[in-house]
PDB file of N, CA and C in Angstrom:
ATOM      1  N   UNK A   1      81.445  -4.745 218.811  1.00  0.00           N
ATOM      2  CA  UNK A   1      80.586  -3.843 219.545  1.00  0.00           C
ATOM      3  C   UNK A   1      79.474  -4.688 220.159  1.00  0.00           C
ATOM      4  N   UNK A   2      79.239  -4.501 221.437  1.00  0.00           N
ATOM      5  CA  UNK A   2      78.209  -5.260 222.132  1.00  0.00           C
ATOM      6  C   UNK A   2      76.809  -4.830 221.748  1.00  0.00           C
ATOM      7  N   UNK A   3      75.847  -5.650 222.150  1.00  0.00           N
ATOM      8  CA  UNK A   3      74.439  -5.392 221.807  1.00  0.00           C
ATOM      9  C   UNK A   3      73.967  -4.048 222.354  1.00  0.00           C
ATOM     10  N   UNK A   4      74.362  -3.716 223.595  1.00  0.00           N
ATOM     11  CA  UNK A   4      73.957  -2.432 224.169  1.00  0.00           C
ATOM     12  C   UNK A   4      74.535  -1.264 223.377  1.00  0.00           C
ATOM     13  N   UNK A   5      75.782  -1.404 222.959  1.00  0.00           N
ATOM     14  CA  UNK A   5      76.419  -0.337 222.191  1.00  0.00           C
ATOM     15  C   UNK A   5      75.740  -0.173 220.837  1.00  0.00           C
ATOM     16  N   UNK A   6      75.334  -1.260 220.211  1.00  0.00           N
ATOM     17  CA  UNK A   6      74.644  -1.201 218.922  1.00  0.00           C
ATOM     18  C   UNK A   6      73.317  -0.477 219.092  1.00  0.00           C
ATOM     19  N   UNK A   7      72.581  -0.806 220.149  1.00  0.00           N
ATOM     20  CA  UNK A   7      71.298  -0.137 220.408  1.00  0.00           C
ATOM     21  C   UNK A   7      71.510   1.350 220.670  1.00  0.00           C
ATOM     22  N   UNK A   8      72.529   1.670 221.437  1.00  0.00           N
ATOM     23  CA  UNK A   8      72.840   3.068 221.721  1.00  0.00           C
ATOM     24  C   UNK A   8      73.186   3.820 220.447  1.00  0.00           C
ATOM     25  N   UNK A   9      73.979   3.194 219.587  1.00  0.00           N
ATOM     26  CA  UNK A   9      74.337   3.813 218.309  1.00  0.00           C
ATOM     27  C   UNK A   9      73.102   4.038 217.455  1.00  0.00           C
ATOM     28  N   UNK A  10      72.217   3.052 217.396  1.00  0.00           N
ATOM     29  CA  UNK A  10      70.989   3.198 216.602  1.00  0.00           C
ATOM     30  C   UNK A  10      70.154   4.362 217.117  1.00  0.00           C
ATOM     31  N   UNK A  11      70.061   4.503 218.431  1.00  0.00           N
ATOM     32  CA  UNK A  11      69.317   5.628 219.008  1.00  0.00           C
ATOM     33  C   UNK A  11      70.000   6.954 218.693  1.00  0.00           C
ATOM     34  N   UNK A  12      71.313   6.974 218.808  1.00  0.00           N
ATOM     35  CA  UNK A  12      72.063   8.206 218.537  1.00  0.00           C
ATOM     36  C   UNK A  12      71.887   8.640 217.088  1.00  0.00           C
ATOM     37  N   UNK A  13      71.857   7.688 216.176  1.00  0.00           N
ATOM     38  CA  UNK A  13      71.712   8.018 214.755  1.00  0.00           C
ATOM     39  C   UNK A  13      70.336   8.579 214.420  1.00  0.00           C
ATOM     40  N   UNK A  14      69.381   8.391 215.307  1.00  0.00           N
ATOM     41  CA  UNK A  14      68.042   8.958 215.093  1.00  0.00           C
ATOM     42  C   UNK A  14      67.929  10.392 215.600  1.00  0.00           C
ATOM     43  N   UNK A  15      68.956  10.881 216.280  1.00  0.00           N
ATOM     44  CA  UNK A  15      68.947  12.253 216.782  1.00  0.00           C
ATOM     45  C   UNK A  15      69.069  13.241 215.624  1.00  0.00           C
ATOM     46  N   UNK A  16      68.587  14.470 215.842  1.00  0.00           N
ATOM     47  CA  UNK A  16      68.809  15.519 214.829  1.00  0.00           C
ATOM     48  C   UNK A  16      70.309  15.747 214.634  1.00  0.00           C
ATOM     49  N   UNK A  17      70.677  16.262 213.489  1.00  0.00           N
ATOM     50  CA  UNK A  17      72.086  16.428 213.127  1.00  0.00           C
ATOM     51  C   UNK A  17      72.857  17.242 214.164  1.00  0.00           C
ATOM     52  N   UNK A  18      72.250  18.305 214.687  1.00  0.00           N
ATOM     53  CA  UNK A  18      72.950  19.134 215.670  1.00  0.00           C
ATOM     54  C   UNK A  18      73.236  18.348 216.944  1.00  0.00           C
ATOM     55  N   UNK A  19      72.274  17.537 217.385  1.00  0.00           N
ATOM     56  CA  UNK A  19      72.461  16.732 218.589  1.00  0.00           C
ATOM     57  C   UNK A  19      73.510  15.649 218.356  1.00  0.00           C
ATOM     58  N   UNK A  20      73.530  15.066 217.155  1.00  0.00           N
ATOM     59  CA  UNK A  20      74.548  14.053 216.843  1.00  0.00           C
ATOM     60  C   UNK A  20      75.934  14.675 216.859  1.00  0.00           C
ATOM     61  N   UNK A  21      76.046  15.885 216.311  1.00  0.00           N
ATOM     62  CA  UNK A  21      77.341  16.569 216.292  1.00  0.00           C
ATOM     63  C   UNK A  21      77.806  16.867 217.711  1.00  0.00           C
ATOM     64  N   UNK A  22      76.905  17.331 218.560  1.00  0.00           N
ATOM     65  CA  UNK A  22      77.270  17.623 219.946  1.00  0.00           C
ATOM     66  C   UNK A  22      77.668  16.348 220.676  1.00  0.00           C
ATOM     67  N   UNK A  23      76.934  15.271 220.444  1.00  0.00           N
ATOM     68  CA  UNK A  23      77.267  13.991 221.056  1.00  0.00           C
ATOM     69  C   UNK A  23      78.635  13.500 220.590  1.00  0.00           C
ATOM     70  N   UNK A  24      78.895  13.597 219.290  1.00  0.00           N
ATOM     71  CA  UNK A  24      80.183  13.170 218.749  1.00  0.00           C
ATOM     72  C   UNK A  24      81.318  13.988 219.364  1.00  0.00           C
ATOM     73  N   UNK A  25      81.126  15.285 219.485  1.00  0.00           N
ATOM     74  CA  UNK A  25      82.156  16.142 220.074  1.00  0.00           C
ATOM     75  C   UNK A  25      82.408  15.753 221.526  1.00  0.00           C
ATOM     76  N   UNK A  26      81.340  15.479 222.256  1.00  0.00           N
ATOM     77  CA  UNK A  26      81.491  15.072 223.658  1.00  0.00           C
ATOM     78  C   UNK A  26      82.231  13.748 223.773  1.00  0.00           C
ATOM     79  N   UNK A  27      81.905  12.806 222.899  1.00  0.00           N
ATOM     80  CA  UNK A  27      82.584  11.517 222.927  1.00  0.00           C
ATOM     81  C   UNK A  27      84.063  11.662 222.594  1.00  0.00           C
ATOM     82  N   UNK A  28      84.378  12.471 221.586  1.00  0.00           N
ATOM     83  CA  UNK A  28      85.779  12.694 221.228  1.00  0.00           C
ATOM     84  C   UNK A  28      86.528  13.389 222.354  1.00  0.00           C
ATOM     85  N   UNK A  29      85.888  14.360 222.977  1.00  0.00           N
ATOM     86  CA  UNK A  29      86.528  15.053 224.099  1.00  0.00           C
ATOM     87  C   UNK A  29      86.840  14.087 225.235  1.00  0.00           C
ATOM     88  N   UNK A  30      85.967  13.099 225.422  1.00  0.00           N
ATOM     89  CA  UNK A  30      86.180  12.155 226.520  1.00  0.00           C
ATOM     90  C   UNK A  30      87.387  11.259 226.274  1.00  0.00           C
ATOM     91  N   UNK A  31      87.843  11.151 225.023  1.00  0.00           N
ATOM     92  CA  UNK A  31      88.995  10.317 224.695  1.00  0.00           C
ATOM     93  C   UNK A  31      90.315  11.047 224.864  1.00  0.00           C
ATOM     94  N   UNK A  32      90.275  12.353 224.840  1.00  0.00           N
ATOM     95  CA  UNK A  32      91.487  13.162 224.837  1.00  0.00           C
ATOM     96  C   UNK A  32      91.794  13.655 226.244  1.00  0.00           C
ATOM     97  N   UNK A  33      92.489  12.849 227.017  1.00  0.00           N
ATOM     98  CA  UNK A  33      92.818  13.224 228.389  1.00  0.00           C
ATOM     99  C   UNK A  33      94.101  14.023 228.484  1.00  0.00           C
ATOM    100  N   UNK A  34      95.024  13.785 227.584  1.00  0.00           N
ATOM    101  CA  UNK A  34      96.304  14.487 227.617  1.00  0.00           C
ATOM    102  C   UNK A  34      96.185  15.795 226.842  1.00  0.00           C
ATOM    103  N   UNK A  35      96.583  16.871 227.470  1.00  0.00           N
ATOM    104  CA  UNK A  35      96.524  18.180 226.828  1.00  0.00           C
ATOM    105  C   UNK A  35      97.933  18.585 226.421  1.00  0.00           C
ATOM    106  N   UNK A  36      98.082  18.943 225.162  1.00  0.00           N
ATOM    107  CA  UNK A  36      99.366  19.425 224.659  1.00  0.00           C
ATOM    108  C   UNK A  36      99.307  20.950 224.646  1.00  0.00           C
ATOM    109  N   UNK A  37     100.022  21.596 225.543  1.00  0.00           N
ATOM    110  CA  UNK A  37      99.922  23.064 225.635  1.00  0.00           C
ATOM    111  C   UNK A  37     100.420  23.789 224.391  1.00  0.00           C
ATOM    112  N   UNK A  38     101.227  23.130 223.564  1.00  0.00           N
ATOM    113  CA  UNK A  38     101.768  23.776 222.369  1.00  0.00           C
ATOM    114  C   UNK A  38     100.961  23.471 221.108  1.00  0.00           C
ATOM    115  N   UNK A  39      99.937  22.649 221.234  1.00  0.00           N
ATOM    116  CA  UNK A  39      99.195  22.200 220.054  1.00  0.00           C
ATOM    117  C   UNK A  39      98.552  23.362 219.300  1.00  0.00           C
ATOM    118  N   UNK A  40      97.935  24.290 220.022  1.00  0.00           N
ATOM    119  CA  UNK A  40      97.245  25.389 219.342  1.00  0.00           C
ATOM    120  C   UNK A  40      98.220  26.241 218.539  1.00  0.00           C
ATOM    121  N   UNK A  41      99.371  26.523 219.111  1.00  0.00           N
ATOM    122  CA  UNK A  41     100.371  27.330 218.392  1.00  0.00           C
ATOM    123  C   UNK A  41     100.872  26.592 217.157  1.00  0.00           C
ATOM    124  N   UNK A  42     101.072  25.290 217.288  1.00  0.00           N
ATOM    125  CA  UNK A  42     101.544  24.512 216.131  1.00  0.00           C
ATOM    126  C   UNK A  42     100.475  24.448 215.045  1.00  0.00           C
ATOM    127  N   UNK A  43      99.195  24.299 215.443  1.00  0.00           N
ATOM    128  CA  UNK A  43      98.126  24.304 214.438  1.00  0.00           C
ATOM    129  C   UNK A  43      98.040  25.661 213.748  1.00  0.00           C
ATOM    130  N   UNK A  44      98.184  26.740 214.513  1.00  0.00           N
ATOM    131  CA  UNK A  44      98.172  28.082 213.907  1.00  0.00           C
ATOM    132  C   UNK A  44      99.272  28.211 212.865  1.00  0.00           C
ATOM    133  N   UNK A  45     100.464  27.711 213.191  1.00  0.00           N
ATOM    134  CA  UNK A  45     101.589  27.777 212.245  1.00  0.00           C
ATOM    135  C   UNK A  45     101.307  26.915 211.021  1.00  0.00           C
ATOM    136  N   UNK A  46     100.734  25.737 211.224  1.00  0.00           N
ATOM    137  CA  UNK A  46     100.413  24.840 210.098  1.00  0.00           C
ATOM    138  C   UNK A  46      99.366  25.474 209.177  1.00  0.00           C
ATOM    139  N   UNK A  47      98.348  26.068 209.771  1.00  0.00           N
ATOM    140  CA  UNK A  47      97.306  26.719 208.973  1.00  0.00           C
ATOM    141  C   UNK A  47      97.899  27.877 208.173  1.00  0.00           C
ATOM    142  N   UNK A  48      98.746  28.678 208.819  1.00  0.00           N
ATOM    143  CA  UNK A  48      99.391  29.797 208.124  1.00  0.00           C
ATOM    144  C   UNK A  48     100.242  29.290 206.967  1.00  0.00           C
ATOM    145  N   UNK A  49     100.975  28.196 207.183  1.00  0.00           N
ATOM    146  CA  UNK A  49     101.809  27.628 206.113  1.00  0.00           C
ATOM    147  C   UNK A  49     100.948  27.181 204.941  1.00  0.00           C
ATOM    148  N   UNK A  50      99.833  26.520 205.236  1.00  0.00           N
ATOM    149  CA  UNK A  50      98.972  26.022 204.160  1.00  0.00           C
ATOM    150  C   UNK A  50      98.317  27.165 203.392  1.00  0.00           C
ATOM    151  N   UNK A  51      97.890  28.197 204.091  1.00  0.00           N
ATOM    152  CA  UNK A  51      97.295  29.363 203.420  1.00  0.00           C
ATOM    153  C   UNK A  51      98.332  30.030 202.528  1.00  0.00           C
ATOM    154  N   UNK A  52      99.567  30.149 203.035  1.00  0.00           N
ATOM    155  CA  UNK A  52     100.655  30.739 202.250  1.00  0.00           C
ATOM    156  C   UNK A  52     100.907  29.926 200.977  1.00  0.00           C
ATOM    157  N   UNK A  53     100.916  28.594 201.093  1.00  0.00           N
ATOM    158  CA  UNK A  53     101.118  27.746 199.913  1.00  0.00           C
ATOM    159  C   UNK A  53      99.992  27.930 198.890  1.00  0.00           C
ATOM    160  N   UNK A  54      98.762  28.081 199.375  1.00  0.00           N
ATOM    161  CA  UNK A  54      97.652  28.345 198.456  1.00  0.00           C
ATOM    162  C   UNK A  54      97.837  29.693 197.767  1.00  0.00           C
ATOM    163  N   UNK A  55      98.151  30.723 198.565  1.00  0.00           N
ATOM    164  CA  UNK A  55      98.324  32.070 198.018  1.00  0.00           C
ATOM    165  C   UNK A  55      99.458  32.143 196.998  1.00  0.00           C
ATOM    166  N   UNK A  56     100.505  31.349 197.228  1.00  0.00           N
ATOM    167  CA  UNK A  56     101.655  31.366 196.327  1.00  0.00           C
ATOM    168  C   UNK A  56     101.486  30.422 195.143  1.00  0.00           C
ATOM    169  N   UNK A  57     100.383  29.702 195.102  1.00  0.00           N
ATOM    170  CA  UNK A  57     100.123  28.794 193.995  1.00  0.00           C
ATOM    171  C   UNK A  57     100.936  27.502 194.043  1.00  0.00           C
ATOM    172  N   UNK A  58     101.502  27.182 195.200  1.00  0.00           N
ATOM    173  CA  UNK A  58     102.300  25.959 195.326  1.00  0.00           C
ATOM    174  C   UNK A  58     101.430  24.707 195.391  1.00  0.00           C
ATOM    175  N   UNK A  59     100.200  24.881 195.813  1.00  0.00           N
ATOM    176  CA  UNK A  59      99.254  23.754 195.869  1.00  0.00           C
ATOM    177  C   UNK A  59      97.964  24.172 195.183  1.00  0.00           C
ATOM    178  N   UNK A  60      97.231  23.185 194.707  1.00  0.00           N
ATOM    179  CA  UNK A  60      95.967  23.447 194.019  1.00  0.00           C
ATOM    180  C   UNK A  60      94.846  22.792 194.825  1.00  0.00           C
ATOM    181  N   UNK A  61      93.880  23.593 195.286  1.00  0.00           N
ATOM    182  CA  UNK A  61      92.761  22.994 196.019  1.00  0.00           C
ATOM    183  C   UNK A  61      91.896  22.169 195.065  1.00  0.00           C
ATOM    184  N   UNK A  62      91.281  21.131 195.600  1.00  0.00           N
ATOM    185  CA  UNK A  62      90.359  20.330 194.794  1.00  0.00           C
ATOM    186  C   UNK A  62      89.022  20.255 195.521  1.00  0.00           C
ATOM    187  N   UNK A  63      87.932  20.115 194.792  1.00  0.00           N
ATOM    188  CA  UNK A  63      86.621  20.028 195.428  1.00  0.00           C
ATOM    189  C   UNK A  63      86.525  18.783 196.317  1.00  0.00           C
ATOM    190  N   UNK A  64      85.705  18.866 197.365  1.00  0.00           N
ATOM    191  CA  UNK A  64      85.531  17.751 198.294  1.00  0.00           C
ATOM    192  C   UNK A  64      85.089  16.491 197.555  1.00  0.00           C
ATOM    193  N   UNK A  65      84.193  16.597 196.603  1.00  0.00           N
ATOM    194  CA  UNK A  65      83.714  15.409 195.885  1.00  0.00           C
ATOM    195  C   UNK A  65      84.880  14.675 195.219  1.00  0.00           C
ATOM    196  N   UNK A  66      85.809  15.428 194.649  1.00  0.00           N
ATOM    197  CA  UNK A  66      86.973  14.808 194.006  1.00  0.00           C
ATOM    198  C   UNK A  66      87.897  14.174 195.050  1.00  0.00           C
ATOM    199  N   UNK A  67      88.136  14.875 196.148  1.00  0.00           N
ATOM    200  CA  UNK A  67      88.986  14.344 197.216  1.00  0.00           C
ATOM    201  C   UNK A  67      88.381  13.058 197.777  1.00  0.00           C
ATOM    202  N   UNK A  68      87.089  13.058 197.973  1.00  0.00           N
ATOM    203  CA  UNK A  68      86.406  11.876 198.511  1.00  0.00           C
ATOM    204  C   UNK A  68      86.548  10.679 197.566  1.00  0.00           C
ATOM    205  N   UNK A  69      86.388  10.943 196.267  1.00  0.00           N
ATOM    206  CA  UNK A  69      86.568   9.861 195.287  1.00  0.00           C
ATOM    207  C   UNK A  69      87.970   9.271 195.370  1.00  0.00           C
ATOM    208  N   UNK A  70      88.961  10.152 195.504  1.00  0.00           N
ATOM    209  CA  UNK A  70      90.348   9.697 195.605  1.00  0.00           C
ATOM    210  C   UNK A  70      90.562   8.881 196.873  1.00  0.00           C
ATOM    211  N   UNK A  71      89.995   9.336 197.974  1.00  0.00           N
ATOM    212  CA  UNK A  71      90.168   8.634 199.243  1.00  0.00           C
ATOM    213  C   UNK A  71      89.581   7.233 199.221  1.00  0.00           C
ATOM    214  N   UNK A  72      88.434   7.086 198.589  1.00  0.00           N
ATOM    215  CA  UNK A  72      87.710   5.804 198.633  1.00  0.00           C
ATOM    216  C   UNK A  72      87.871   4.986 197.369  1.00  0.00           C
ATOM    217  N   UNK A  73      88.804   5.369 196.497  1.00  0.00           N
ATOM    218  CA  UNK A  73      88.989   4.695 195.230  1.00  0.00           C
ATOM    219  C   UNK A  73      89.552   3.282 195.401  1.00  0.00           C
ATOM    220  N   UNK A  74      90.368   3.048 196.387  1.00  0.00           N
ATOM    221  CA  UNK A  74      91.019   1.733 196.527  1.00  0.00           C
ATOM    222  C   UNK A  74      90.120   0.642 196.996  1.00  0.00           C
TER     223      UNK A  74
END
């Protein structure tokens, strides 16, 4: 990362949380040029499948703190 980018990041990190979130969303949107017209329908189906698995007891939810520990354990 260049010096200008580091300075920009430091300034961005000083923004209030809401402004940082909006900035992050704008930056992510700028990366996604290709639109998949079927993506929303597929996400809806995936969400429905996951909710069904929870309701049927096929999966067990875990608290975020535990999931985070597992993710960063290695």
